[in-house]
Amino acid sequence: MRSGARRAEPRICGKPVLKGALHVHSVYSDGELTLGELRERFLRAGCDFACVTDHADAFDDERVRAYERECDSLSDDRFRFLAGLEFGCLRHMHIVGYGVTSLTDSADPEWVIDHIARAGGVSVIAHPASNAFEWIESFATLPNGVEVWNSKYDGRYAPRPATFAVVGRLRLRRPDLRAFYGMDFHWRTQFSGLFTLVDAPDASRAAVLSALARGDYVGLKDGLELPSSGAVPEALLARFGRIHGRSARVRALLKSVRRLSGRVGATIPAPVKAQLRRLF
């Protein structure tokens, strides 16, 4: 057991690992919770670390330094924040830079991927749109990974099988490219049960980023462990497809209701919005 641990540790194949949350937002950009509130929330969930990735366009150099300082001040031997950024790119693509807080003016995704690599971070294309798959596969510079399950965009119940297929094809060109599992956590009532178990000696930036780059982790959701390779059985992919299809239809219906209420001047009560966020 790691020094200072006070609870039963998560394990992969009997080996103790670190539990963390990937792709988390705070009030530094468009999240509802402060870093202090996020720390307490993820500590209660049994996490050792969280990779915060607030939107790069919310920062200038001074604000980045404040962000880094607060992440450091709230980190100790119980829990650690790894400060990073989410970069907005052309065609609404977003790329997460785990462990990277250096800014760039470029919106070219391949430039951003290279920028993250030069800064020693881990680059992950976040919640890729289905109509962007072909474009991603045309990139000469590939990222460290692609988010195959984003529980904000894909929903809490199942990811899209097609994203796993894209990862499989990209790995033919870059075998060390990984499948990532991100919360994209923003709201107080949002589902926050998609975790990552990392095989690392500690929760330092170097150790966690190295493990993510090597693929020494699994995604974890309700006891289901999902590999960093993205290679999951066909039966599970088929199940994901059925569940995601049902969930997507419900989500589309709810969006239509919201648009219609906006046109007629009605508003959805805040408690109802909170419940919808909790469910989906």
Protein backbone atom coordinates (compact mmCIF):
# COMPACT_ATOMS: atom_id res chain seq x y z
CA MET A 1 0.00 0.00 0.00
CA ARG A 2 1.24 3.48 -0.82
CA SER A 3 2.58 5.60 2.00
CA GLY A 4 -0.14 7.71 3.61
CA ALA A 5 -3.07 5.77 2.09
CA ARG A 6 -6.08 5.49 4.35
CA ARG A 7 -8.53 3.51 2.28
CA ALA A 8 -8.76 0.34 0.25
CA GLU A 9 -6.87 0.95 -2.97
CA PRO A 10 -8.18 0.32 -6.48
CA ARG A 11 -6.31 -2.48 -8.23
CA ILE A 12 -5.63 -3.78 -11.73
CA CYS A 13 -4.87 -7.52 -11.79
CA GLY A 14 -4.24 -7.34 -8.04
CA LYS A 15 -1.75 -4.47 -8.34
CA PRO A 16 -2.46 -1.20 -6.49
CA VAL A 17 -3.02 1.77 -8.79
CA LEU A 18 -4.05 5.41 -8.58
CA LYS A 19 -7.63 6.49 -9.21
CA GLY A 20 -8.14 9.74 -11.07
CA ALA A 21 -10.51 11.96 -13.00
CA LEU A 22 -9.56 13.09 -16.49
CA HIS A 23 -10.89 16.17 -18.32
CA VAL A 24 -12.26 18.36 -15.52
CA HIS A 25 -13.27 22.04 -15.66
CA SER A 26 -13.38 24.63 -12.88
CA VAL A 27 -14.49 28.24 -12.43
CA TYR A 28 -11.25 29.26 -14.15
CA SER A 29 -13.19 28.68 -17.39
CA ASP A 30 -16.75 27.37 -17.70
CA GLY A 31 -17.05 25.00 -14.76
CA GLU A 32 -19.37 25.59 -11.81
CA LEU A 33 -17.03 24.40 -9.04
CA THR A 34 -13.92 25.98 -7.59
CA LEU A 35 -10.74 23.95 -7.43
CA GLY A 36 -11.30 23.56 -3.68
CA GLU A 37 -14.78 22.15 -4.26
CA LEU A 38 -13.45 19.81 -6.94
CA ARG A 39 -10.78 18.55 -4.57
CA GLU A 40 -13.36 17.65 -1.93
CA ARG A 41 -15.69 16.05 -4.48
CA PHE A 42 -13.02 13.80 -5.95
CA LEU A 43 -11.53 12.95 -2.57
CA ARG A 44 -14.98 11.68 -1.56
CA ALA A 45 -15.00 9.57 -4.74
CA GLY A 46 -11.72 7.95 -3.68
CA CYS A 47 -9.54 9.75 -6.21
CA ASP A 48 -5.83 10.37 -5.84
CA PHE A 49 -5.66 13.01 -8.58
CA ALA A 50 -7.62 15.02 -11.12
CA CYS A 51 -6.43 16.39 -14.44
CA VAL A 52 -8.03 19.82 -14.70
CA THR A 53 -8.16 21.10 -18.26
CA ASP A 54 -9.82 24.49 -18.29
CA HIS A 55 -10.34 26.16 -21.66
CA ALA A 56 -7.22 27.91 -22.93
CA ASP A 57 -9.19 30.87 -24.30
CA ALA A 58 -10.12 31.83 -20.72
CA PHE A 59 -6.48 32.57 -19.87
CA ASP A 60 -3.69 35.04 -20.31
CA ASP A 61 -0.20 34.55 -18.87
CA GLU A 62 -1.06 36.07 -15.49
CA ARG A 63 -4.23 33.99 -15.08
CA VAL A 64 -2.35 30.82 -16.06
CA ARG A 65 0.17 31.46 -13.29
CA ALA A 66 -2.66 31.93 -10.77
CA TYR A 67 -4.25 28.66 -11.98
CA GLU A 68 -0.97 26.78 -11.58
CA ARG A 69 -0.38 28.25 -8.11
CA GLU A 70 -3.84 27.29 -6.88
CA CYS A 71 -3.55 23.77 -8.28
CA ASP A 72 -0.23 23.41 -6.46
CA SER A 73 -1.52 24.90 -3.20
CA LEU A 74 -4.43 22.43 -3.13
CA SER A 75 -2.20 19.41 -3.82
CA ASP A 76 -0.69 17.26 -1.08
CA ASP A 77 -0.01 13.60 -0.27
CA ARG A 78 -3.74 12.85 -0.23
CA PHE A 79 -4.71 14.36 -3.58
CA ARG A 80 -3.05 16.16 -6.46
CA PHE A 81 -4.24 18.44 -9.24
CA LEU A 82 -2.47 18.19 -12.59
CA ALA A 83 -3.04 21.52 -14.32
CA GLY A 84 -3.67 21.39 -18.06
CA LEU A 85 -5.63 23.17 -20.78
CA GLU A 86 -8.24 22.38 -23.42
CA PHE A 87 -7.44 24.10 -26.72
CA GLY A 88 -10.15 25.16 -29.16
CA CYS A 89 -9.17 24.46 -32.77
CA LEU A 90 -10.54 24.80 -36.28
CA ARG A 91 -13.91 23.22 -37.12
CA HIS A 92 -14.91 23.14 -33.43
CA MET A 93 -12.29 20.52 -32.61
CA HIS A 94 -11.00 20.51 -29.05
CA ILE A 95 -7.68 19.06 -27.97
CA VAL A 96 -6.87 18.44 -24.32
CA GLY A 97 -3.30 19.01 -23.22
CA TYR A 98 -2.84 17.01 -20.04
CA GLY A 99 -0.13 18.59 -17.93
CA VAL A 100 0.32 21.59 -20.26
CA THR A 101 -0.37 25.20 -19.29
CA SER A 102 1.57 27.05 -22.01
CA LEU A 103 -0.67 29.03 -24.34
CA THR A 104 -0.61 29.17 -28.13
CA ASP A 105 -2.37 31.41 -30.64
CA SER A 106 -2.68 28.68 -33.26
CA ALA A 107 -6.04 27.00 -33.93
CA ASP A 108 -4.52 24.40 -36.25
CA PRO A 109 -5.02 21.02 -34.54
CA GLU A 110 -1.75 19.53 -35.75
CA TRP A 111 0.13 22.61 -34.55
CA VAL A 112 -1.60 22.30 -31.15
CA ILE A 113 -0.70 18.60 -30.92
CA ASP A 114 2.93 19.50 -31.60
CA HIS A 115 2.76 22.37 -29.09
CA ILE A 116 1.56 19.99 -26.37
CA ALA A 117 4.32 17.51 -27.22
CA ARG A 118 7.00 20.23 -27.02
CA ALA A 119 5.66 21.22 -23.58
CA GLY A 120 5.98 17.65 -22.33
CA GLY A 121 2.24 16.99 -22.11
CA VAL A 122 -0.17 14.37 -23.39
CA SER A 123 -2.41 15.42 -26.29
CA VAL A 124 -5.91 13.97 -26.62
CA ILE A 125 -8.58 14.87 -29.17
CA ALA A 126 -11.63 15.46 -27.00
CA HIS A 127 -15.18 14.34 -27.82
CA PRO A 128 -14.50 14.11 -31.59
CA ALA A 129 -17.54 14.75 -33.76
CA SER A 130 -18.49 11.85 -35.99
CA ASN A 131 -18.15 14.06 -39.09
CA ALA A 132 -14.54 14.83 -38.09
CA PHE A 133 -13.33 11.23 -38.10
CA GLU A 134 -12.12 11.31 -41.71
CA TRP A 135 -10.33 14.62 -41.12
CA ILE A 136 -8.57 13.26 -38.02
CA GLU A 137 -7.39 10.24 -39.98
CA SER A 138 -5.81 12.59 -42.55
CA PHE A 139 -3.56 14.26 -39.95
CA ALA A 140 0.16 13.90 -40.54
CA THR A 141 0.75 14.62 -36.84
CA LEU A 142 -1.30 12.35 -34.62
CA PRO A 143 -2.04 12.98 -30.93
CA ASN A 144 -1.22 10.73 -27.99
CA GLY A 145 -4.84 9.70 -27.90
CA VAL A 146 -8.49 10.15 -28.73
CA GLU A 147 -11.31 10.38 -26.19
CA VAL A 148 -13.46 7.34 -26.95
CA TRP A 149 -15.85 8.02 -24.09
CA ASN A 150 -16.68 11.53 -22.98
CA SER A 151 -19.48 11.22 -20.44
CA LYS A 152 -20.73 14.77 -21.12
CA TYR A 153 -21.07 14.39 -24.90
CA ASP A 154 -21.62 10.63 -25.21
CA GLY A 155 -23.73 10.40 -22.07
CA ARG A 156 -23.21 8.36 -18.93
CA TYR A 157 -24.53 5.06 -20.26
CA ALA A 158 -22.36 4.13 -23.25
CA PRO A 159 -19.87 5.56 -25.78
CA ARG A 160 -20.05 5.44 -29.57
CA PRO A 161 -18.57 2.26 -31.07
CA ALA A 162 -17.41 4.24 -34.13
CA THR A 163 -14.89 6.17 -32.02
CA PHE A 164 -13.24 2.93 -30.95
CA ALA A 165 -13.00 1.97 -34.62
CA VAL A 166 -11.24 5.26 -35.43
CA VAL A 167 -8.71 4.60 -32.67
CA GLY A 168 -8.11 1.12 -34.10
CA ARG A 169 -7.36 2.54 -37.53
CA LEU A 170 -5.12 5.31 -36.16
CA ARG A 171 -3.14 2.76 -34.17
CA LEU A 172 -2.12 1.10 -37.44
CA ARG A 173 -0.13 4.30 -38.09
CA ARG A 174 0.79 5.13 -34.49
CA PRO A 175 0.71 1.97 -32.33
CA ASP A 176 1.23 3.95 -29.12
CA LEU A 177 -1.91 6.07 -29.68
CA ARG A 178 -4.35 5.48 -26.80
CA ALA A 179 -8.07 5.45 -26.08
CA PHE A 180 -8.98 7.91 -23.32
CA TYR A 181 -11.97 8.09 -21.00
CA GLY A 182 -12.88 11.62 -19.91
CA MET A 183 -15.57 13.09 -17.69
CA ASP A 184 -15.57 16.56 -19.23
CA PHE A 185 -16.91 17.59 -15.85
CA HIS A 186 -18.50 21.06 -15.65
CA TRP A 187 -21.66 21.10 -13.52
CA ARG A 188 -22.31 20.44 -9.86
CA THR A 189 -25.05 17.91 -10.68
CA GLN A 190 -23.34 16.35 -13.70
CA PHE A 191 -22.60 12.63 -13.77
CA SER A 192 -19.04 12.09 -12.52
CA GLY A 193 -18.58 8.33 -12.43
CA LEU A 194 -16.17 7.72 -15.32
CA PHE A 195 -12.70 7.33 -13.81
CA THR A 196 -9.22 6.25 -14.86
CA LEU A 197 -7.03 3.81 -12.92
CA VAL A 198 -3.37 4.59 -13.53
CA ASP A 199 -0.40 2.33 -12.83
CA ALA A 200 1.99 4.96 -11.46
CA PRO A 201 4.20 5.11 -8.35
CA ASP A 202 2.71 8.42 -7.24
CA ALA A 203 0.43 11.21 -8.43
CA SER A 204 3.18 13.57 -9.53
CA ARG A 205 2.88 15.22 -12.94
CA ALA A 206 5.78 13.21 -14.34
CA ALA A 207 4.52 9.86 -13.08
CA VAL A 208 0.89 10.28 -14.16
CA LEU A 209 1.70 11.74 -17.59
CA SER A 210 4.25 9.01 -18.23
CA ALA A 211 1.68 6.33 -17.36
CA LEU A 212 -0.95 7.95 -19.60
CA ALA A 213 1.49 8.15 -22.51
CA ARG A 214 2.55 4.51 -22.04
CA GLY A 215 -1.05 3.34 -21.80
CA ASP A 216 -0.61 2.02 -18.26
CA TYR A 217 -4.21 2.69 -17.28
CA VAL A 218 -7.78 1.52 -17.73
CA GLY A 219 -11.04 3.43 -17.87
CA LEU A 220 -13.44 2.52 -15.06
CA LYS A 221 -17.21 2.87 -15.04
CA ASP A 222 -19.43 0.93 -12.61
CA GLY A 223 -16.87 -1.88 -12.33
CA LEU A 224 -16.35 -2.14 -16.09
CA GLU A 225 -12.66 -1.78 -16.99
CA LEU A 226 -11.88 -0.48 -20.48
CA PRO A 227 -8.37 -0.77 -21.97
CA SER A 228 -6.10 2.03 -23.08
CA SER A 229 -5.72 0.27 -26.43
CA GLY A 230 -9.42 0.74 -27.13
CA ALA A 231 -9.59 -2.92 -28.18
CA VAL A 232 -12.84 -4.15 -26.65
CA PRO A 233 -14.84 -7.28 -27.57
CA GLU A 234 -17.30 -7.01 -30.45
CA ALA A 235 -20.14 -8.07 -28.16
CA LEU A 236 -19.41 -5.15 -25.84
CA LEU A 237 -19.23 -2.74 -28.78
CA ALA A 238 -22.60 -3.98 -29.99
CA ARG A 239 -24.03 -3.46 -26.53
CA PHE A 240 -22.56 0.05 -26.42
CA GLY A 241 -24.16 0.76 -29.79
CA ARG A 242 -27.63 -0.26 -28.62
CA ILE A 243 -27.42 1.64 -25.35
CA HIS A 244 -25.87 4.76 -26.86
CA GLY A 245 -28.47 4.79 -29.63
CA ARG A 246 -31.33 4.83 -27.10
CA SER A 247 -29.61 7.45 -24.96
CA ALA A 248 -28.83 9.65 -27.98
CA ARG A 249 -32.48 9.60 -29.07
CA VAL A 250 -33.61 10.72 -25.62
CA ARG A 251 -30.96 13.44 -25.51
CA ALA A 252 -31.98 14.68 -28.97
CA LEU A 253 -35.61 14.84 -27.84
CA LEU A 254 -34.68 16.85 -24.77
CA LYS A 255 -32.66 19.29 -26.91
CA SER A 256 -35.68 19.74 -29.18
CA VAL A 257 -37.85 20.49 -26.15
CA ARG A 258 -35.34 23.09 -24.94
CA ARG A 259 -35.22 24.76 -28.37
CA LEU A 260 -39.01 24.80 -28.61
CA SER A 261 -39.38 26.28 -25.13
CA GLY A 262 -36.92 29.00 -26.09
CA ARG A 263 -38.95 29.90 -29.17
CA VAL A 264 -42.18 30.25 -27.21
CA GLY A 265 -40.49 32.17 -24.40
CA ALA A 266 -40.80 29.43 -21.80
CA THR A 267 -37.96 28.39 -19.54
CA ILE A 268 -37.12 25.00 -18.11
CA PRO A 269 -37.08 25.25 -14.29
CA ALA A 270 -33.60 25.03 -12.76
CA PRO A 271 -34.40 21.85 -10.74
CA VAL A 272 -35.51 20.12 -13.96
CA LYS A 273 -32.32 21.20 -15.73
CA ALA A 274 -30.27 19.86 -12.82
CA GLN A 275 -32.06 16.51 -12.97
CA LEU A 276 -31.51 16.24 -16.73
CA ARG A 277 -27.82 16.94 -16.27
CA ARG A 278 -27.64 14.27 -13.58
CA LEU A 279 -29.30 11.71 -15.82
CA PHE A 280 -27.44 12.41 -19.05
